[in-house]
């Protein structure tokens, strides 16, 4: 027989959704970041910095990288990314109903940083608040969240270039949208 299901919802907003930073090392850069709880419940959040790259699907999706997949220079940058609340690093955050929190994203780029682009997500995910889900309760708990992506370019900026390796469209299309392949 079916049993009762219980669910909670929460609604978060983040600004800006994408942060673009270009620096020449050494640099210590800070930029504002705002997160808001748009629901009527208290939300406990965990803050993580997750590096990403383009997925192998070539469809615009990202793939988060594990620490063992990162080169040493990326790990060095990653360890220097901090979310600050009134100049104090925070890893967790509690937002009351409709509360907005102004934070600061701080990145310290060392002198010996390799000139390249680094892609990071600052992920605010709902934490368990210390509550464990046991097997005896036949429960599944899924945690939602929100993120802002950081596009960090380190080093001198040159002229960006690229190559379209493949582009194709159908010869005849009766109506849109027009499907196409680009690589």
Protein backbone atom coordinates (compact mmCIF):
# COMPACT_ATOMS: atom_id res chain seq x y z
CA UNK A 1 0.00 0.00 0.00
CA UNK A 2 1.24 3.51 -0.67
CA UNK A 3 2.50 5.51 2.27
CA UNK A 4 2.60 9.23 2.91
CA UNK A 5 5.39 11.14 1.26
CA UNK A 6 6.85 14.25 2.79
CA UNK A 7 8.70 16.90 0.88
CA UNK A 8 10.18 20.29 1.50
CA UNK A 9 10.83 22.94 -1.05
CA UNK A 10 13.12 25.90 -1.04
CA UNK A 11 13.78 28.67 -3.48
CA UNK A 12 17.12 30.45 -3.78
CA UNK A 13 18.35 33.34 -5.89
CA UNK A 14 21.97 34.22 -6.65
CA UNK A 15 23.56 37.25 -8.26
CA UNK A 16 25.57 37.44 -10.38
CA UNK A 17 24.98 34.07 -12.05
CA UNK A 18 28.33 34.29 -13.87
CA UNK A 19 31.46 36.06 -12.67
CA UNK A 20 34.23 36.83 -15.17
CA UNK A 21 37.62 37.79 -13.75
CA UNK A 22 40.80 38.57 -15.70
CA UNK A 23 44.00 39.10 -13.69
CA UNK A 24 47.74 39.29 -14.12
CA UNK A 25 49.57 37.55 -11.25
CA UNK A 26 50.16 38.29 -8.48
CA UNK A 27 46.67 39.52 -7.69
CA UNK A 28 44.17 39.49 -4.87
CA UNK A 29 40.73 40.11 -6.34
CA UNK A 30 37.39 40.45 -4.55
CA UNK A 31 33.92 40.70 -6.06
CA UNK A 32 30.47 40.94 -4.46
CA UNK A 33 28.15 37.95 -4.43
CA UNK A 34 24.56 37.96 -3.24
CA UNK A 35 22.37 35.00 -2.27
CA UNK A 36 18.73 35.18 -1.23
CA UNK A 37 16.33 32.73 0.35
CA UNK A 38 13.07 33.35 -1.51
CA UNK A 39 11.09 30.79 0.49
CA UNK A 40 9.27 31.16 3.79
CA UNK A 41 11.42 28.55 5.58
CA UNK A 42 14.90 28.72 7.10
CA UNK A 43 17.54 27.21 4.78
CA UNK A 44 20.88 25.78 5.92
CA UNK A 45 23.46 25.85 3.12
CA UNK A 46 26.91 24.38 2.60
CA UNK A 47 29.32 26.32 0.37
CA UNK A 48 31.66 24.40 -1.95
CA UNK A 49 34.05 25.49 -4.67
CA UNK A 50 33.92 22.99 -7.53
CA UNK A 51 36.14 23.14 -10.61
CA UNK A 52 34.53 22.15 -13.89
CA UNK A 53 35.26 21.55 -17.55
CA UNK A 54 33.16 20.97 -20.65
CA UNK A 55 31.57 17.52 -20.73
CA UNK A 56 32.58 15.00 -23.37
CA UNK A 57 29.03 15.19 -24.77
CA UNK A 58 29.88 18.47 -26.56
CA UNK A 59 26.44 19.85 -25.70
CA UNK A 60 27.34 22.76 -23.44
CA UNK A 61 26.98 20.79 -20.20
CA UNK A 62 29.70 20.92 -17.57
CA UNK A 63 31.45 18.11 -15.76
CA UNK A 64 32.67 18.72 -12.22
CA UNK A 65 36.25 17.60 -11.63
CA UNK A 66 37.55 15.61 -8.67
CA UNK A 67 40.72 16.68 -6.86
CA UNK A 68 42.67 13.74 -8.35
CA UNK A 69 41.82 15.01 -11.87
CA UNK A 70 43.29 18.47 -11.27
CA UNK A 71 46.80 19.59 -12.19
CA UNK A 72 48.86 21.06 -9.33
CA UNK A 73 48.46 24.64 -10.61
CA UNK A 74 44.66 24.33 -10.54
CA UNK A 75 44.75 22.93 -7.00
CA UNK A 76 46.89 25.90 -5.97
CA UNK A 77 44.28 28.36 -7.34
CA UNK A 78 41.40 26.33 -5.89
CA UNK A 79 42.85 26.52 -2.38
CA UNK A 80 42.94 30.32 -2.66
CA UNK A 81 39.25 30.79 -3.51
CA UNK A 82 37.23 31.89 -0.50
CA UNK A 83 33.69 33.07 0.17
CA UNK A 84 33.74 35.79 2.80
CA UNK A 85 31.04 37.16 5.07
CA UNK A 86 32.23 40.45 6.55
CA UNK A 87 35.88 39.50 5.83
CA UNK A 88 35.56 36.06 7.51
CA UNK A 89 35.67 32.88 5.44
CA UNK A 90 32.42 30.91 5.54
CA UNK A 91 31.73 27.30 4.52
CA UNK A 92 28.15 27.18 5.80
CA UNK A 93 25.34 29.69 5.81
CA UNK A 94 21.90 29.90 7.40
CA UNK A 95 19.35 32.10 5.67
CA UNK A 96 16.07 33.05 7.26
CA UNK A 97 12.84 33.38 5.28
CA UNK A 98 13.21 36.00 2.53
CA UNK A 99 16.70 36.87 3.83
CA UNK A 100 19.36 38.22 1.45
CA UNK A 101 23.05 37.86 2.30
CA UNK A 102 25.77 39.97 0.74
CA UNK A 103 29.00 37.99 0.50
CA UNK A 104 32.39 38.52 -1.11
CA UNK A 105 34.20 36.12 -3.41
CA UNK A 106 37.95 36.47 -2.87
CA UNK A 107 40.63 34.88 -5.05
CA UNK A 108 44.33 35.25 -4.31
CA UNK A 109 46.34 34.48 -7.46
CA UNK A 110 50.01 33.79 -6.64
CA UNK A 111 52.92 35.20 -8.67
CA UNK A 112 53.90 31.81 -10.10
CA UNK A 113 50.41 30.98 -11.48
CA UNK A 114 50.32 29.52 -14.96
CA UNK A 115 48.62 31.72 -17.55
CA UNK A 116 45.41 29.92 -18.44
CA UNK A 117 41.66 29.89 -17.86
CA UNK A 118 40.16 28.31 -14.74
CA UNK A 119 36.47 27.40 -14.48
CA UNK A 120 34.82 27.13 -11.05
CA UNK A 121 31.36 26.94 -9.56
CA UNK A 122 30.59 28.39 -6.16
CA UNK A 123 27.88 25.94 -5.07
CA UNK A 124 25.40 26.70 -2.29
CA UNK A 125 23.66 23.41 -1.50
CA UNK A 126 21.11 22.55 1.12
CA UNK A 127 22.81 20.82 4.02
CA UNK A 128 21.34 18.07 6.17
CA UNK A 129 21.61 20.15 9.30
CA UNK A 130 23.03 17.10 11.06
CA UNK A 131 20.01 14.90 10.25
CA UNK A 132 20.86 11.44 8.99
CA UNK A 133 18.52 9.31 6.94
CA UNK A 134 18.55 5.70 8.07
CA UNK A 135 17.71 2.59 6.06
CA UNK A 136 14.99 1.67 8.57
CA UNK A 137 12.90 4.67 7.53
CA UNK A 138 12.90 3.78 3.81
CA UNK A 139 13.72 7.35 2.93
CA UNK A 140 15.60 9.08 0.19
CA UNK A 141 16.90 12.58 0.64
CA UNK A 142 17.95 14.74 -2.28
CA UNK A 143 19.70 18.04 -1.73
CA UNK A 144 19.17 20.97 -4.05
CA UNK A 145 21.21 24.06 -4.45
CA UNK A 146 22.27 26.96 -6.61
CA UNK A 147 25.61 28.05 -8.02
CA UNK A 148 27.39 30.90 -9.69
CA UNK A 149 30.06 30.09 -12.26
CA UNK A 150 33.44 31.81 -12.12
CA UNK A 151 35.47 32.20 -15.30
CA UNK A 152 38.98 33.14 -14.13
CA UNK A 153 41.55 34.12 -16.77
CA UNK A 154 45.07 34.34 -15.40
CA UNK A 155 47.88 35.95 -17.35
CA UNK A 156 48.17 38.27 -20.28
CA UNK A 157 45.15 38.48 -22.49
CA UNK A 158 45.78 37.71 -26.12
CA UNK A 159 43.51 37.49 -29.07
CA UNK A 160 41.12 34.60 -28.62
CA UNK A 161 40.86 32.25 -31.56
CA UNK A 162 39.03 29.07 -32.35
CA UNK A 163 38.24 26.65 -35.12
CA UNK A 164 34.91 25.24 -36.23
CA UNK A 165 35.75 21.63 -37.03
CA UNK A 166 32.28 20.62 -38.17
CA UNK A 167 29.06 22.43 -39.05
CA UNK A 168 26.04 20.85 -40.70
CA UNK A 169 22.34 21.54 -41.20
CA UNK A 170 19.62 19.65 -43.06
CA UNK A 171 19.33 20.52 -46.76
CA UNK A 172 15.62 21.22 -46.46
CA UNK A 173 13.56 22.19 -43.38
CA UNK A 174 9.78 22.72 -43.38
CA UNK A 175 9.59 24.55 -40.06
CA UNK A 176 11.79 25.67 -37.21
CA UNK A 177 13.66 25.40 -35.07
CA UNK A 178 16.42 24.34 -37.43
CA UNK A 179 18.52 21.48 -36.05
CA UNK A 180 22.24 21.89 -36.57
CA UNK A 181 25.51 20.32 -35.56
CA UNK A 182 28.50 22.42 -34.63
CA UNK A 183 31.84 21.31 -33.26
